[in-house]
Amino acid sequence: MAKPLRFRHSRRGWSPAQVRDQLYRDLDANLGADQGDPWYRPPSGYEGVRFEMDNGDIALFAYSDSEAFWLGNTETPSALWRTDKFAFDEVPYQLSRWAQRELLAQLYDESPWLEPYPHVSWFFLPVFLSKDGRESSREFFSTHAAGFPDAEPESALELYESILGTGALDQYRYTMAGKLGTSPVLDRTRMASAMAEFNTAKLLLDNGYDIEPEAPVSTGHSIDYRAEGEQSVTLVEVTRPAPIHRRQASHPVAAVRDTAETKVNGQLDDHAGGVTLFVDCSGFRDDDWATVRDERPDVRHRPAVVYRMRPDGYVEGYTKGAVPLDIQTITLRN
């Protein structure tokens, strides 16, 4: 399975003839390809080329007489196999800006419904245009409302547009976007679990906490978030029970307990209560959530926050134990 899009950096000069002979002919022989000009002018000092393959793949190549950069969701020509890979923010800014402008235009051309959501489009661009995951990742938003039941895709997109519009997760883009996955298979359970971390991020950000995803801890593990407030620092781990119609548990309370227990018996049992567990039930339908909300089942770990978020941002839930976070935006059920 291919990973999110990254640049390849060639540390030698290139000529138009070499681009044609070593890149275009390779692509054309294997996939069928056209070589043309990019849609936007490349940065000063570079020549730009755009490759479009018969199967819908695309690739960009910016080159000079001293180096070159390749970016594409297709097979890599053999002349570039031994080159190093870099994230969008690890190459020269003007080059990255040009390439992302090209890719966003491609994304909007293929999926115009994403254009009203520029932060979602930009943040998930390495996945939305990845080699293997471009169709499944977009379908998860357009058809399945990013895991929200009984919701329109537009409302879910508006929610994540507001979260990503804060910029709080920008520096963790590859880590967080990559959680959505680049599999060609649409795995709604895994993808919804990834979005639970964005839901929890919203709760923490809305309540004034600075967050660091994948915070390292002394056990050698990483915890989903390090949340820093004015006077305290708290580690936060997130889990998300699958709706009962997509899991073996036949009762929503059992689904919550089983999922939390799996997390507790894994990562959290080494931390002796030093982590706050957030159980995101946003995938539950109204009646299933009402059952959990009214019974308030224990989740075998304290402190814990059990909540359900809707696309309009409304959140309700309950807590177990002394939660060291001041979460005012949850409507608590006692």
Protein backbone atom coordinates (compact mmCIF):
# COMPACT_ATOMS: atom_id res chain seq x y z
CA MET A 1 0.00 0.00 0.00
CA ALA A 2 1.39 3.42 -0.96
CA LYS A 3 1.80 6.04 1.74
CA PRO A 4 0.61 9.68 1.65
CA LEU A 5 2.11 11.77 -1.12
CA ARG A 6 5.71 12.87 -0.69
CA PHE A 7 8.29 14.53 -2.88
CA ARG A 8 11.27 12.66 -4.25
CA HIS A 9 14.46 14.72 -4.46
CA SER A 10 17.01 14.06 -7.17
CA ARG A 11 20.38 15.60 -6.30
CA ARG A 12 21.62 15.99 -9.88
CA GLY A 13 20.85 18.24 -12.78
CA TRP A 14 18.35 17.35 -15.47
CA SER A 15 17.85 18.41 -19.10
CA PRO A 16 14.69 18.31 -21.23
CA ALA A 17 16.13 15.36 -23.14
CA GLN A 18 16.73 13.41 -19.93
CA VAL A 19 13.20 14.13 -18.74
CA ARG A 20 11.84 12.75 -21.99
CA ASP A 21 14.13 9.73 -22.18
CA GLN A 22 14.27 8.68 -18.52
CA LEU A 23 10.84 9.69 -17.21
CA TYR A 24 8.28 10.11 -19.98
CA ARG A 25 9.28 7.04 -21.99
CA ASP A 26 9.28 4.89 -18.84
CA LEU A 27 5.79 6.07 -17.87
CA ASP A 28 4.42 5.81 -21.38
CA ALA A 29 5.71 2.28 -21.85
CA ASN A 30 4.20 1.05 -18.59
CA LEU A 31 0.98 3.04 -18.26
CA GLY A 32 0.46 5.19 -21.31
CA ALA A 33 1.31 8.82 -20.60
CA ASP A 34 1.19 12.37 -21.92
CA GLN A 35 3.84 14.94 -21.10
CA GLY A 36 2.86 18.60 -21.02
CA ASP A 37 3.22 21.90 -19.28
CA PRO A 38 2.03 22.31 -15.70
CA TRP A 39 -1.17 24.25 -15.08
CA TYR A 40 0.70 26.88 -13.08
CA ARG A 41 4.10 28.47 -13.58
CA PRO A 42 6.82 26.67 -11.60
CA PRO A 43 8.99 28.64 -9.16
CA SER A 44 11.90 30.68 -10.43
CA GLY A 45 14.94 28.60 -11.32
CA TYR A 46 13.00 25.46 -12.23
CA GLU A 47 11.44 24.04 -15.35
CA GLY A 48 8.16 22.25 -14.79
CA VAL A 49 6.57 19.20 -16.40
CA ARG A 50 3.22 17.56 -15.86
CA PHE A 51 2.62 13.88 -16.68
CA GLU A 52 -0.90 12.54 -17.10
CA MET A 53 -1.32 8.77 -17.30
CA ASP A 54 -4.04 6.89 -19.13
CA ASN A 55 -5.30 5.40 -15.84
CA GLY A 56 -5.87 8.82 -14.25
CA ASP A 57 -2.57 9.06 -12.37
CA ILE A 58 -0.66 12.34 -12.45
CA ALA A 59 2.88 13.42 -11.63
CA LEU A 60 4.79 16.69 -11.45
CA PHE A 61 8.49 17.20 -12.08
CA ALA A 62 10.40 20.41 -11.38
CA TYR A 63 14.02 20.39 -12.46
CA SER A 64 17.09 22.59 -12.84
CA ASP A 65 20.71 22.03 -13.80
CA SER A 66 21.53 21.05 -10.21
CA GLU A 67 18.52 19.18 -8.74
CA ALA A 68 14.95 18.06 -9.33
CA PHE A 69 11.77 17.21 -7.42
CA TRP A 70 9.18 14.58 -8.34
CA LEU A 71 5.66 14.33 -6.89
CA GLY A 72 3.01 11.96 -8.13
CA ASN A 73 0.38 9.34 -7.36
CA THR A 74 1.71 6.92 -9.94
CA GLU A 75 4.56 4.48 -10.23
CA THR A 76 8.01 6.03 -9.88
CA PRO A 77 10.24 5.84 -12.95
CA SER A 78 13.32 3.71 -12.35
CA ALA A 79 15.62 6.71 -12.77
CA LEU A 80 14.21 8.08 -9.48
CA TRP A 81 14.09 4.90 -7.41
CA ARG A 82 17.11 5.76 -5.25
CA THR A 83 16.00 9.29 -4.40
CA ASP A 84 15.05 10.47 -0.91
CA LYS A 85 11.48 11.28 0.08
CA PHE A 86 10.33 14.50 1.73
CA ALA A 87 7.06 15.86 3.09
CA PHE A 88 5.51 19.01 1.65
CA ASP A 89 7.00 21.18 4.40
CA GLU A 90 10.49 19.71 3.98
CA VAL A 91 11.20 21.10 0.50
CA PRO A 92 11.65 24.75 -0.55
CA TYR A 93 8.49 26.72 0.20
CA GLN A 94 7.94 28.10 -3.30
CA LEU A 95 8.30 24.64 -4.78
CA SER A 96 5.88 23.10 -2.30
CA ARG A 97 3.38 25.93 -2.84
CA TRP A 98 3.48 25.43 -6.61
CA ALA A 99 3.03 21.67 -6.40
CA GLN A 100 0.17 21.89 -3.92
CA ARG A 101 -1.54 24.50 -6.06
CA GLU A 102 -1.36 22.08 -8.99
CA LEU A 103 -2.68 19.21 -6.90
CA LEU A 104 -5.51 21.19 -5.36
CA ALA A 105 -6.64 22.21 -8.83
CA GLN A 106 -6.54 18.55 -9.81
CA LEU A 107 -8.51 17.58 -6.71
CA TYR A 108 -11.21 20.19 -7.35
CA ASP A 109 -11.41 19.13 -10.99
CA GLU A 110 -12.03 15.52 -9.92
CA SER A 111 -14.14 16.26 -6.82
CA PRO A 112 -15.68 19.75 -7.09
CA TRP A 113 -17.74 19.14 -3.93
CA LEU A 114 -14.53 19.64 -1.92
CA GLU A 115 -13.87 23.17 -3.20
CA PRO A 116 -16.02 24.92 -0.52
CA TYR A 117 -13.80 23.30 2.13
CA PRO A 118 -10.26 24.55 1.45
CA HIS A 119 -8.81 23.58 4.84
CA VAL A 120 -10.11 20.01 4.60
CA SER A 121 -8.86 19.79 1.02
CA TRP A 122 -5.40 21.12 1.86
CA PHE A 123 -4.95 19.12 5.06
CA PHE A 124 -5.94 15.77 3.57
CA LEU A 125 -4.35 16.44 0.17
CA PRO A 126 -1.54 13.89 0.73
CA VAL A 127 -4.27 11.25 1.18
CA PHE A 128 -6.98 12.57 -1.16
CA LEU A 129 -4.51 12.31 -4.05
CA SER A 130 -2.48 9.34 -2.83
CA LYS A 131 -1.76 6.48 -5.20
CA ASP A 132 -4.01 3.91 -3.52
CA GLY A 133 -6.28 5.82 -1.17
CA ARG A 134 -7.58 8.68 -3.28
CA GLU A 135 -10.96 7.12 -4.02
CA SER A 136 -11.64 5.48 -0.65
CA SER A 137 -10.66 8.53 1.40
CA ARG A 138 -12.88 10.89 -0.58
CA GLU A 139 -15.77 8.43 -0.58
CA PHE A 140 -15.59 8.27 3.22
CA PHE A 141 -16.40 11.99 3.33
CA SER A 142 -18.76 12.25 0.37
CA THR A 143 -20.86 9.15 0.97
CA HIS A 144 -20.44 8.31 4.65
CA ALA A 145 -20.28 11.79 6.21
CA ALA A 146 -16.89 11.01 7.80
CA GLY A 147 -18.50 8.48 10.11
CA PHE A 148 -21.45 10.47 11.41
CA PRO A 149 -24.74 8.55 11.27
CA ASP A 150 -27.88 10.23 9.97
CA ALA A 151 -25.91 13.25 8.75
CA GLU A 152 -25.35 15.00 5.46
CA PRO A 153 -21.77 15.00 4.12
CA GLU A 154 -21.80 18.80 3.96
CA SER A 155 -22.42 19.12 7.69
CA ALA A 156 -19.51 16.81 8.51
CA LEU A 157 -17.24 18.69 6.12
CA GLU A 158 -18.22 21.99 7.74
CA LEU A 159 -17.29 20.61 11.15
CA TYR A 160 -13.83 19.47 10.07
CA GLU A 161 -13.33 22.66 8.09
CA SER A 162 -13.81 24.57 11.36
CA ILE A 163 -11.39 22.30 13.24
CA LEU A 164 -8.65 22.43 10.62
CA GLY A 165 -9.21 26.13 10.04
CA THR A 166 -7.70 26.83 13.46
CA GLY A 167 -4.28 25.79 12.15
CA ALA A 168 -3.59 23.95 15.40
CA LEU A 169 -2.86 20.69 13.59
CA ASP A 170 -1.00 22.09 10.58
CA GLN A 171 2.47 21.09 11.76
CA TYR A 172 1.22 17.54 12.36
CA ARG A 173 -0.41 17.26 8.95
CA TYR A 174 1.27 14.10 7.69
CA THR A 175 0.82 12.29 10.98
CA MET A 176 -2.85 13.18 11.35
CA ALA A 177 -3.92 12.99 7.70
CA GLY A 178 -2.11 9.68 7.36
CA LYS A 179 -4.31 8.15 10.06
CA LEU A 180 -7.14 8.18 7.54
CA GLY A 181 -5.13 5.64 5.58
CA THR A 182 -4.22 5.15 1.94
CA SER A 183 -5.83 1.77 1.35
CA PRO A 184 -7.90 1.32 -1.81
CA VAL A 185 -10.46 -0.49 0.39
CA LEU A 186 -12.99 1.69 2.21
CA ASP A 187 -12.68 0.65 5.86
CA ARG A 188 -15.34 2.75 7.58
CA THR A 189 -14.50 1.48 11.07
CA ARG A 190 -10.80 2.30 10.83
CA MET A 191 -11.41 5.66 9.17
CA ALA A 192 -14.04 6.65 11.75
CA SER A 193 -11.56 5.76 14.50
CA ALA A 194 -9.10 8.17 12.92
CA MET A 195 -11.71 10.94 12.89
CA ALA A 196 -12.34 10.37 16.60
CA GLU A 197 -8.96 11.96 17.20
CA PHE A 198 -10.07 15.06 15.29
CA ASN A 199 -13.28 15.16 17.34
CA THR A 200 -11.29 15.00 20.57
CA ALA A 201 -8.94 17.65 19.21
CA LYS A 202 -11.94 19.95 18.76
CA LEU A 203 -12.99 19.42 22.38
CA LEU A 204 -9.54 20.22 23.66
CA LEU A 205 -9.02 23.23 21.39
CA ASP A 206 -12.46 24.68 22.09
CA ASN A 207 -11.69 24.57 25.79
CA GLY A 208 -8.41 26.42 25.52
CA TYR A 209 -5.86 23.62 25.47
CA ASP A 210 -2.76 23.49 23.30
CA ILE A 211 -2.34 20.02 21.86
CA GLU A 212 0.51 17.87 20.61
CA PRO A 213 -0.50 14.67 18.78
CA GLU A 214 1.42 11.42 19.23
CA ALA A 215 3.10 12.60 22.42
CA PRO A 216 6.00 10.30 23.40
CA VAL A 217 6.03 8.82 26.91
CA SER A 218 8.64 7.02 28.98
CA THR A 219 7.29 3.54 28.22
CA GLY A 220 8.31 3.93 24.59
CA HIS A 221 4.72 4.32 23.44
CA SER A 222 3.07 7.45 22.20
CA ILE A 223 -0.22 8.82 23.51
CA ASP A 224 -2.75 10.43 21.20
CA TYR A 225 -2.48 13.92 22.73
CA ARG A 226 -0.55 15.98 25.17
CA ALA A 227 -2.97 18.72 26.27
CA GLU A 228 -1.45 21.75 27.92
CA GLY A 229 -3.56 24.26 29.81
CA GLU A 230 -2.57 27.34 31.76
CA GLN A 231 -1.64 25.35 34.86
CA SER A 232 -1.55 21.70 33.89
CA VAL A 233 -0.47 19.13 31.32
CA THR A 234 -2.61 16.07 30.66
CA LEU A 235 -2.11 13.03 28.47
CA VAL A 236 -5.17 12.01 26.47
CA GLU A 237 -5.85 8.70 24.71
CA VAL A 238 -8.80 8.28 22.33
CA THR A 239 -10.87 5.24 21.44
CA ARG A 240 -14.03 4.88 19.39
CA PRO A 241 -16.56 2.05 19.70
CA ALA A 242 -17.97 0.91 16.39
CA PRO A 243 -21.77 1.12 16.05
CA ILE A 244 -23.40 -2.14 17.07
CA HIS A 245 -24.57 -2.91 13.51
CA ARG A 246 -20.90 -3.15 12.49
CA ARG A 247 -19.52 -5.17 15.42
CA GLN A 248 -20.15 -8.37 17.33
CA ALA A 249 -21.50 -6.66 20.45
CA SER A 250 -25.29 -6.65 20.34
CA HIS A 251 -25.82 -3.83 22.84
CA PRO A 252 -24.38 -0.30 22.77
CA VAL A 253 -23.30 -0.48 26.43
CA ALA A 254 -21.34 -3.66 25.67
CA ALA A 255 -19.77 -1.96 22.66
CA VAL A 256 -18.52 0.90 24.83
CA ARG A 257 -17.20 -1.39 27.55
CA ASP A 258 -15.51 -3.83 25.18
CA THR A 259 -13.76 -1.16 23.14
CA ALA A 260 -12.54 0.71 26.21
CA GLU A 261 -11.33 -2.51 27.82
CA THR A 262 -9.24 -3.33 24.76
CA LYS A 263 -7.56 0.06 24.99
CA VAL A 264 -7.08 -0.19 28.77
CA ASN A 265 -5.55 -3.66 28.61
CA GLY A 266 -3.19 -2.50 25.92
CA GLN A 267 -1.56 0.92 26.03
CA LEU A 268 -3.07 2.35 29.20
CA ASP A 269 -2.32 -0.34 31.77
CA ASP A 270 1.33 0.79 31.91
CA HIS A 271 0.46 4.34 32.98
CA ALA A 272 -1.22 3.79 36.35
CA GLY A 273 -4.03 6.26 35.73
CA GLY A 274 -1.80 8.99 34.30
CA VAL A 275 -3.81 9.19 31.08
CA THR A 276 -7.34 10.47 30.56
CA LEU A 277 -9.34 8.23 28.25
CA PHE A 278 -11.76 9.83 25.78
CA VAL A 279 -14.37 7.43 24.42
CA ASP A 280 -15.88 8.90 21.25
CA CYS A 281 -19.37 7.53 20.57
CA SER A 282 -20.04 9.86 17.64
CA GLY A 283 -20.76 6.89 15.40
CA PHE A 284 -23.78 5.85 17.49
CA ARG A 285 -27.28 6.57 16.28
CA ASP A 286 -29.66 8.50 18.54
CA ASP A 287 -31.28 5.49 20.22
CA ASP A 288 -28.01 3.67 20.88
CA TRP A 289 -26.39 6.79 22.29
CA ALA A 290 -29.43 7.45 24.49
CA THR A 291 -28.97 4.00 26.04
CA VAL A 292 -25.31 4.67 26.80
CA ARG A 293 -25.99 8.19 28.05
CA ASP A 294 -28.72 7.04 30.42
CA GLU A 295 -26.89 3.99 31.78
CA ARG A 296 -23.49 5.74 32.01
CA PRO A 297 -21.50 2.48 31.94
CA ASP A 298 -18.09 2.30 33.52
CA VAL A 299 -15.27 1.96 31.00
CA ARG A 300 -12.73 0.20 33.30
CA HIS A 301 -10.46 3.20 33.35
CA ARG A 302 -10.47 6.43 35.29
CA PRO A 303 -10.37 9.27 34.57
CA ALA A 304 -12.49 9.01 31.43
CA VAL A 305 -14.76 11.13 29.26
CA VAL A 306 -17.47 9.36 27.26
CA TYR A 307 -19.05 11.63 24.67
CA ARG A 308 -20.94 11.91 21.42
CA MET A 309 -20.39 14.79 18.99
CA ARG A 310 -22.75 15.81 16.22
CA PRO A 311 -21.71 17.61 13.03
CA ASP A 312 -23.16 20.89 14.30
CA GLY A 313 -20.63 20.74 17.14
CA TYR A 314 -23.11 19.84 19.87
CA VAL A 315 -21.54 17.44 22.37
CA GLU A 316 -23.00 15.58 25.29
CA GLY A 317 -21.52 12.93 27.52
CA TYR A 318 -20.48 11.91 31.00
CA THR A 319 -17.29 11.47 32.99
CA LYS A 320 -15.84 8.80 35.24
CA GLY A 321 -13.36 9.69 37.95
CA ALA A 322 -11.65 13.01 38.54
CA VAL A 323 -11.01 14.32 35.03
CA PRO A 324 -8.09 16.81 35.15
CA LEU A 325 -9.45 18.80 32.21
CA ASP A 326 -11.97 21.61 32.24
CA ILE A 327 -14.25 20.68 29.33
CA GLN A 328 -17.04 23.23 29.39
CA THR A 329 -18.34 22.52 25.88
CA ILE A 330 -19.77 19.09 26.77
CA THR A 331 -23.30 18.91 28.05
CA LEU A 332 -22.75 16.56 30.97
CA ARG A 333 -25.40 14.05 31.99
CA ASN A 334 -25.24 13.24 35.69
